[in-house]
PDB file of N, CA and C in Angstrom:
ATOM      1  N   UNK A   1       2.749  -1.703   3.339  1.00  0.00           N
ATOM      2  CA  UNK A   1       3.194  -2.929   2.717  1.00  0.00           C
ATOM      3  C   UNK A   1       2.044  -3.835   2.332  1.00  0.00           C
ATOM      4  N   UNK A   2       1.001  -3.808   3.073  1.00  0.00           N
ATOM      5  CA  UNK A   2      -0.102  -4.693   2.733  1.00  0.00           C
ATOM      6  C   UNK A   2      -0.859  -5.157   3.945  1.00  0.00           C
ATOM      7  N   UNK A   3      -1.645  -6.166   3.726  1.00  0.00           N
ATOM      8  CA  UNK A   3      -2.490  -6.697   4.781  1.00  0.00           C
ATOM      9  C   UNK A   3      -1.670  -7.371   5.876  1.00  0.00           C
ATOM     10  N   UNK A   4      -2.160  -7.227   7.089  1.00  0.00           N
ATOM     11  CA  UNK A   4      -1.534  -7.842   8.257  1.00  0.00           C
ATOM     12  C   UNK A   4      -1.283  -9.323   8.032  1.00  0.00           C
ATOM     13  N   UNK A   5      -2.285 -10.042   7.532  1.00  0.00           N
ATOM     14  CA  UNK A   5      -2.167 -11.498   7.386  1.00  0.00           C
ATOM     15  C   UNK A   5      -1.167 -11.911   6.316  1.00  0.00           C
ATOM     16  N   UNK A   6      -0.807 -10.993   5.423  1.00  0.00           N
ATOM     17  CA  UNK A   6       0.137 -11.306   4.355  1.00  0.00           C
ATOM     18  C   UNK A   6       1.553 -10.839   4.647  1.00  0.00           C
ATOM     19  N   UNK A   7       1.733  -9.958   5.625  1.00  0.00           N
ATOM     20  CA  UNK A   7       3.058  -9.385   5.866  1.00  0.00           C
ATOM     21  C   UNK A   7       3.577  -9.606   7.283  1.00  0.00           C
ATOM     22  N   UNK A   8       2.800 -10.256   8.137  1.00  0.00           N
ATOM     23  CA  UNK A   8       3.214 -10.505   9.519  1.00  0.00           C
ATOM     24  C   UNK A   8       3.084 -11.987   9.849  1.00  0.00           C
ATOM     25  N   UNK A   9       3.918 -12.458  10.786  1.00  0.00           N
ATOM     26  CA  UNK A   9       3.859 -13.854  11.215  1.00  0.00           C
ATOM     27  C   UNK A   9       4.214 -13.930  12.691  1.00  0.00           C
ATOM     28  N   UNK A  10       4.154 -15.139  13.253  1.00  0.00           N
ATOM     29  CA  UNK A  10       4.397 -15.346  14.692  1.00  0.00           C
ATOM     30  C   UNK A  10       3.508 -14.444  15.538  1.00  0.00           C
ATOM     31  N   UNK A  11       2.252 -14.317  15.159  1.00  0.00           N
ATOM     32  CA  UNK A  11       1.320 -13.461  15.886  1.00  0.00           C
ATOM     33  C   UNK A  11       0.777 -14.190  17.106  1.00  0.00           C
ATOM     34  N   UNK A  12       0.641 -13.442  18.194  1.00  0.00           N
ATOM     35  CA  UNK A  12       0.119 -14.009  19.436  1.00  0.00           C
ATOM     36  C   UNK A  12      -0.576 -12.914  20.231  1.00  0.00           C
ATOM     37  N   UNK A  13      -1.555 -13.325  21.032  1.00  0.00           N
ATOM     38  CA  UNK A  13      -2.239 -12.402  21.936  1.00  0.00           C
ATOM     39  C   UNK A  13      -1.968 -12.837  23.361  1.00  0.00           C
ATOM     40  N   UNK A  14      -1.542 -11.884  24.180  1.00  0.00           N
ATOM     41  CA  UNK A  14      -1.396 -12.120  25.613  1.00  0.00           C
ATOM     42  C   UNK A  14      -2.181 -11.024  26.306  1.00  0.00           C
ATOM     43  N   UNK A  15      -3.254 -11.414  26.974  1.00  0.00           N
ATOM     44  CA  UNK A  15      -4.150 -10.414  27.549  1.00  0.00           C
ATOM     45  C   UNK A  15      -4.787  -9.630  26.425  1.00  0.00           C
ATOM     46  N   UNK A  16      -4.605  -8.327  26.404  1.00  0.00           N
ATOM     47  CA  UNK A  16      -5.159  -7.492  25.333  1.00  0.00           C
ATOM     48  C   UNK A  16      -4.098  -7.056  24.329  1.00  0.00           C
ATOM     49  N   UNK A  17      -2.870  -7.578  24.432  1.00  0.00           N
ATOM     50  CA  UNK A  17      -1.767  -7.138  23.573  1.00  0.00           C
ATOM     51  C   UNK A  17      -1.515  -8.141  22.449  1.00  0.00           C
ATOM     52  N   UNK A  18      -1.596  -7.657  21.206  1.00  0.00           N
ATOM     53  CA  UNK A  18      -1.282  -8.439  20.015  1.00  0.00           C
ATOM     54  C   UNK A  18       0.160  -8.140  19.622  1.00  0.00           C
ATOM     55  N   UNK A  19       0.981  -9.184  19.478  1.00  0.00           N
ATOM     56  CA  UNK A  19       2.375  -9.043  19.065  1.00  0.00           C
ATOM     57  C   UNK A  19       2.590  -9.851  17.797  1.00  0.00           C
ATOM     58  N   UNK A  20       3.287  -9.264  16.815  1.00  0.00           N
ATOM     59  CA  UNK A  20       3.583  -9.928  15.547  1.00  0.00           C
ATOM     60  C   UNK A  20       4.957  -9.500  15.058  1.00  0.00           C
ATOM     61  N   UNK A  21       5.558 -10.347  14.241  1.00  0.00           N
ATOM     62  CA  UNK A  21       6.769  -9.982  13.518  1.00  0.00           C
ATOM     63  C   UNK A  21       6.330  -9.611  12.113  1.00  0.00           C
ATOM     64  N   UNK A  22       6.598  -8.363  11.702  1.00  0.00           N
ATOM     65  CA  UNK A  22       6.066  -7.839  10.447  1.00  0.00           C
ATOM     66  C   UNK A  22       7.179  -7.356   9.522  1.00  0.00           C
ATOM     67  N   UNK A  23       6.915  -7.515   8.214  1.00  0.00           N
ATOM     68  CA  UNK A  23       7.873  -7.118   7.186  1.00  0.00           C
ATOM     69  C   UNK A  23       7.981  -5.599   7.113  1.00  0.00           C
ATOM     70  N   UNK A  24       9.215  -5.119   6.901  1.00  0.00           N
ATOM     71  CA  UNK A  24       9.475  -3.692   6.722  1.00  0.00           C
ATOM     72  C   UNK A  24       9.648  -3.399   5.231  1.00  0.00           C
ATOM     73  N   UNK A  25       9.597  -2.144   4.850  1.00  0.00           N
ATOM     74  CA  UNK A  25       9.749  -1.782   3.441  1.00  0.00           C
ATOM     75  C   UNK A  25      11.133  -2.118   2.905  1.00  0.00           C
ATOM     76  N   UNK A  26      12.145  -2.198   3.783  1.00  0.00           N
ATOM     77  CA  UNK A  26      13.505  -2.523   3.340  1.00  0.00           C
ATOM     78  C   UNK A  26      13.741  -4.029   3.248  1.00  0.00           C
ATOM     79  N   UNK A  27      12.695  -4.834   3.475  1.00  0.00           N
ATOM     80  CA  UNK A  27      12.812  -6.285   3.398  1.00  0.00           C
ATOM     81  C   UNK A  27      13.132  -6.947   4.719  1.00  0.00           C
ATOM     82  N   UNK A  28      13.489  -6.163   5.727  1.00  0.00           N
ATOM     83  CA  UNK A  28      13.754  -6.700   7.056  1.00  0.00           C
ATOM     84  C   UNK A  28      12.451  -6.935   7.809  1.00  0.00           C
ATOM     85  N   UNK A  29      12.591  -7.341   9.058  1.00  0.00           N
ATOM     86  CA  UNK A  29      11.419  -7.609   9.895  1.00  0.00           C
ATOM     87  C   UNK A  29      11.546  -6.887  11.220  1.00  0.00           C
ATOM     88  N   UNK A  30      10.410  -6.572  11.812  1.00  0.00           N
ATOM     89  CA  UNK A  30      10.349  -5.878  13.086  1.00  0.00           C
ATOM     90  C   UNK A  30       9.265  -6.530  13.937  1.00  0.00           C
ATOM     91  N   UNK A  31       9.557  -6.779  15.214  1.00  0.00           N
ATOM     92  CA  UNK A  31       8.532  -7.267  16.129  1.00  0.00           C
ATOM     93  C   UNK A  31       7.795  -6.060  16.687  1.00  0.00           C
ATOM     94  N   UNK A  32       6.481  -6.092  16.595  1.00  0.00           N
ATOM     95  CA  UNK A  32       5.661  -4.959  16.982  1.00  0.00           C
ATOM     96  C   UNK A  32       4.476  -5.438  17.816  1.00  0.00           C
ATOM     97  N   UNK A  33       4.010  -4.580  18.709  1.00  0.00           N
ATOM     98  CA  UNK A  33       2.867  -4.901  19.569  1.00  0.00           C
ATOM     99  C   UNK A  33       1.875  -3.754  19.560  1.00  0.00           C
ATOM    100  N   UNK A  34       0.603  -4.102  19.770  1.00  0.00           N
ATOM    101  CA  UNK A  34      -0.438  -3.090  19.927  1.00  0.00           C
ATOM    102  C   UNK A  34      -1.406  -3.570  21.002  1.00  0.00           C
ATOM    103  N   UNK A  35      -1.784  -2.651  21.873  1.00  0.00           N
ATOM    104  CA  UNK A  35      -2.789  -2.964  22.890  1.00  0.00           C
ATOM    105  C   UNK A  35      -4.155  -2.825  22.232  1.00  0.00           C
ATOM    106  N   UNK A  36      -4.847  -3.934  22.062  1.00  0.00           N
ATOM    107  CA  UNK A  36      -6.131  -3.929  21.368  1.00  0.00           C
ATOM    108  C   UNK A  36      -7.196  -3.136  22.104  1.00  0.00           C
ATOM    109  N   UNK A  37      -6.999  -2.879  23.395  1.00  0.00           N
ATOM    110  CA  UNK A  37      -7.945  -2.042  24.136  1.00  0.00           C
ATOM    111  C   UNK A  37      -8.013  -0.637  23.558  1.00  0.00           C
ATOM    112  N   UNK A  38      -6.957  -0.209  22.853  1.00  0.00           N
ATOM    113  CA  UNK A  38      -6.946   1.142  22.300  1.00  0.00           C
ATOM    114  C   UNK A  38      -7.698   1.236  20.976  1.00  0.00           C
ATOM    115  N   UNK A  39      -8.111   0.094  20.395  1.00  0.00           N
ATOM    116  CA  UNK A  39      -8.754   0.134  19.078  1.00  0.00           C
ATOM    117  C   UNK A  39     -10.003  -0.731  18.946  1.00  0.00           C
ATOM    118  N   UNK A  40     -10.309  -1.589  19.922  1.00  0.00           N
ATOM    119  CA  UNK A  40     -11.459  -2.487  19.816  1.00  0.00           C
ATOM    120  C   UNK A  40     -12.383  -2.301  21.011  1.00  0.00           C
ATOM    121  N   UNK A  41     -13.689  -2.299  20.718  1.00  0.00           N
ATOM    122  CA  UNK A  41     -14.701  -2.152  21.762  1.00  0.00           C
ATOM    123  C   UNK A  41     -15.701  -3.301  21.656  1.00  0.00           C
ATOM    124  N   UNK A  42     -16.207  -3.746  22.788  1.00  0.00           N
ATOM    125  CA  UNK A  42     -17.289  -4.727  22.824  1.00  0.00           C
ATOM    126  C   UNK A  42     -18.609  -3.964  22.817  1.00  0.00           C
ATOM    127  N   UNK A  43     -19.345  -4.045  21.701  1.00  0.00           N
ATOM    128  CA  UNK A  43     -20.642  -3.380  21.576  1.00  0.00           C
ATOM    129  C   UNK A  43     -21.717  -4.458  21.559  1.00  0.00           C
ATOM    130  N   UNK A  44     -22.319  -4.680  22.710  1.00  0.00           N
ATOM    131  CA  UNK A  44     -23.404  -5.653  22.851  1.00  0.00           C
ATOM    132  C   UNK A  44     -23.019  -7.026  22.304  1.00  0.00           C
ATOM    133  N   UNK A  45     -21.805  -7.471  22.620  1.00  0.00           N
ATOM    134  CA  UNK A  45     -21.359  -8.803  22.229  1.00  0.00           C
ATOM    135  C   UNK A  45     -20.658  -8.885  20.893  1.00  0.00           C
ATOM    136  N   UNK A  46     -20.497  -7.762  20.188  1.00  0.00           N
ATOM    137  CA  UNK A  46     -19.793  -7.738  18.904  1.00  0.00           C
ATOM    138  C   UNK A  46     -18.580  -6.826  19.001  1.00  0.00           C
ATOM    139  N   UNK A  47     -17.424  -7.298  18.499  1.00  0.00           N
ATOM    140  CA  UNK A  47     -16.217  -6.481  18.513  1.00  0.00           C
ATOM    141  C   UNK A  47     -16.278  -5.440  17.406  1.00  0.00           C
ATOM    142  N   UNK A  48     -16.004  -4.177  17.749  1.00  0.00           N
ATOM    143  CA  UNK A  48     -16.035  -3.054  16.804  1.00  0.00           C
ATOM    144  C   UNK A  48     -14.726  -2.288  16.908  1.00  0.00           C
ATOM    145  N   UNK A  49     -14.304  -1.689  15.789  1.00  0.00           N
ATOM    146  CA  UNK A  49     -13.078  -0.892  15.765  1.00  0.00           C
ATOM    147  C   UNK A  49     -13.354   0.478  16.355  1.00  0.00           C
ATOM    148  N   UNK A  50     -13.210   0.594  17.661  1.00  0.00           N
ATOM    149  CA  UNK A  50     -13.406   1.841  18.382  1.00  0.00           C
ATOM    150  C   UNK A  50     -12.534   1.802  19.626  1.00  0.00           C
ATOM    151  N   UNK A  51     -11.981   2.945  20.025  1.00  0.00           N
ATOM    152  CA  UNK A  51     -11.198   2.963  21.265  1.00  0.00           C
ATOM    153  C   UNK A  51     -12.053   2.542  22.452  1.00  0.00           C
ATOM    154  N   UNK A  52     -11.522   1.651  23.281  1.00  0.00           N
ATOM    155  CA  UNK A  52     -12.266   1.201  24.451  1.00  0.00           C
ATOM    156  C   UNK A  52     -11.405   0.314  25.319  1.00  0.00           C
ATOM    157  N   UNK A  53     -12.040  -0.562  26.071  1.00  0.00           N
ATOM    158  CA  UNK A  53     -11.358  -1.500  26.945  1.00  0.00           C
ATOM    159  C   UNK A  53     -12.063  -2.849  26.845  1.00  0.00           C
ATOM    160  N   UNK A  54     -12.014  -3.481  25.655  1.00  0.00           N
ATOM    161  CA  UNK A  54     -12.782  -4.705  25.403  1.00  0.00           C
ATOM    162  C   UNK A  54     -12.403  -5.847  26.326  1.00  0.00           C
ATOM    163  N   UNK A  55     -11.172  -5.902  26.815  1.00  0.00           N
ATOM    164  CA  UNK A  55     -10.710  -7.036  27.617  1.00  0.00           C
ATOM    165  C   UNK A  55     -11.478  -7.127  28.938  1.00  0.00           C
ATOM    166  N   UNK A  56     -12.101  -6.009  29.356  1.00  0.00           N
ATOM    167  CA  UNK A  56     -12.885  -6.018  30.596  1.00  0.00           C
ATOM    168  C   UNK A  56     -14.164  -6.842  30.460  1.00  0.00           C
ATOM    169  N   UNK A  57     -14.696  -6.966  29.230  1.00  0.00           N
ATOM    170  CA  UNK A  57     -15.962  -7.673  29.037  1.00  0.00           C
ATOM    171  C   UNK A  57     -15.847  -8.891  28.124  1.00  0.00           C
ATOM    172  N   UNK A  58     -14.661  -9.171  27.577  1.00  0.00           N
ATOM    173  CA  UNK A  58     -14.455 -10.326  26.695  1.00  0.00           C
ATOM    174  C   UNK A  58     -13.417 -11.255  27.310  1.00  0.00           C
ATOM    175  N   UNK A  59     -13.562 -12.546  27.051  1.00  0.00           N
ATOM    176  CA  UNK A  59     -12.652 -13.542  27.616  1.00  0.00           C
ATOM    177  C   UNK A  59     -12.179 -14.488  26.524  1.00  0.00           C
ATOM    178  N   UNK A  60     -11.165 -15.276  26.845  1.00  0.00           N
ATOM    179  CA  UNK A  60     -10.654 -16.320  25.952  1.00  0.00           C
ATOM    180  C   UNK A  60     -10.236 -15.777  24.591  1.00  0.00           C
ATOM    181  N   UNK A  61      -9.504 -14.643  24.575  1.00  0.00           N
ATOM    182  CA  UNK A  61      -9.033 -14.092  23.309  1.00  0.00           C
ATOM    183  C   UNK A  61      -7.970 -14.997  22.715  1.00  0.00           C
ATOM    184  N   UNK A  62      -8.043 -15.193  21.403  1.00  0.00           N
ATOM    185  CA  UNK A  62      -7.072 -16.016  20.692  1.00  0.00           C
ATOM    186  C   UNK A  62      -7.078 -15.653  19.221  1.00  0.00           C
ATOM    187  N   UNK A  63      -6.014 -16.023  18.513  1.00  0.00           N
ATOM    188  CA  UNK A  63      -5.939 -15.805  17.074  1.00  0.00           C
ATOM    189  C   UNK A  63      -6.288 -17.080  16.341  1.00  0.00           C
ATOM    190  N   UNK A  64      -7.035 -16.943  15.259  1.00  0.00           N
ATOM    191  CA  UNK A  64      -7.325 -18.044  14.339  1.00  0.00           C
ATOM    192  C   UNK A  64      -6.952 -17.523  12.963  1.00  0.00           C
ATOM    193  N   UNK A  65      -5.730 -17.809  12.521  1.00  0.00           N
ATOM    194  CA  UNK A  65      -5.224 -17.192  11.296  1.00  0.00           C
ATOM    195  C   UNK A  65      -5.028 -15.717  11.548  1.00  0.00           C
ATOM    196  N   UNK A  66      -5.688 -14.869  10.759  1.00  0.00           N
ATOM    197  CA  UNK A  66      -5.581 -13.425  10.967  1.00  0.00           C
ATOM    198  C   UNK A  66      -6.798 -12.859  11.687  1.00  0.00           C
ATOM    199  N   UNK A  67      -7.669 -13.715  12.202  1.00  0.00           N
ATOM    200  CA  UNK A  67      -8.857 -13.267  12.925  1.00  0.00           C
ATOM    201  C   UNK A  67      -8.664 -13.429  14.421  1.00  0.00           C
ATOM    202  N   UNK A  68      -9.200 -12.480  15.156  1.00  0.00           N
ATOM    203  CA  UNK A  68      -9.183 -12.584  16.610  1.00  0.00           C
ATOM    204  C   UNK A  68     -10.520 -13.136  17.064  1.00  0.00           C
ATOM    205  N   UNK A  69     -10.481 -14.115  17.942  1.00  0.00           N
ATOM    206  CA  UNK A  69     -11.691 -14.689  18.516  1.00  0.00           C
ATOM    207  C   UNK A  69     -11.752 -14.318  19.984  1.00  0.00           C
ATOM    208  N   UNK A  70     -12.938 -13.987  20.454  1.00  0.00           N
ATOM    209  CA  UNK A  70     -13.119 -13.651  21.865  1.00  0.00           C
ATOM    210  C   UNK A  70     -14.558 -13.948  22.257  1.00  0.00           C
ATOM    211  N   UNK A  71     -14.739 -14.369  23.495  1.00  0.00           N
ATOM    212  CA  UNK A  71     -16.083 -14.550  24.033  1.00  0.00           C
ATOM    213  C   UNK A  71     -16.493 -13.283  24.747  1.00  0.00           C
ATOM    214  N   UNK A  72     -17.524 -12.598  24.232  1.00  0.00           N
ATOM    215  CA  UNK A  72     -17.932 -11.316  24.806  1.00  0.00           C
ATOM    216  C   UNK A  72     -19.368 -11.383  25.302  1.00  0.00           C
TER     217      UNK A  72
END
C-alpha cells in the first residue's frame, strides 16, 4: 500500500514492540505489531536494520512522527 507513515496511524512503542493501525488493500484497517528486536540492531550507537536485540543496549524509545528515537 505504501509507506508506513502514510498508511498507518495511532503508532506507539511499548518496550521493543511497535503497534500501529494500518490501512488494508480493501480500505479497512488492521492493528498490527512488530517486535523491533527482530529487525533493528544497535551498532556502536547507531540503529541499523539487522536482526538483534537493540532494547538491551538502547533506552527511552519513542516515536517522533514516523521516526523512532532511542538513546543507545
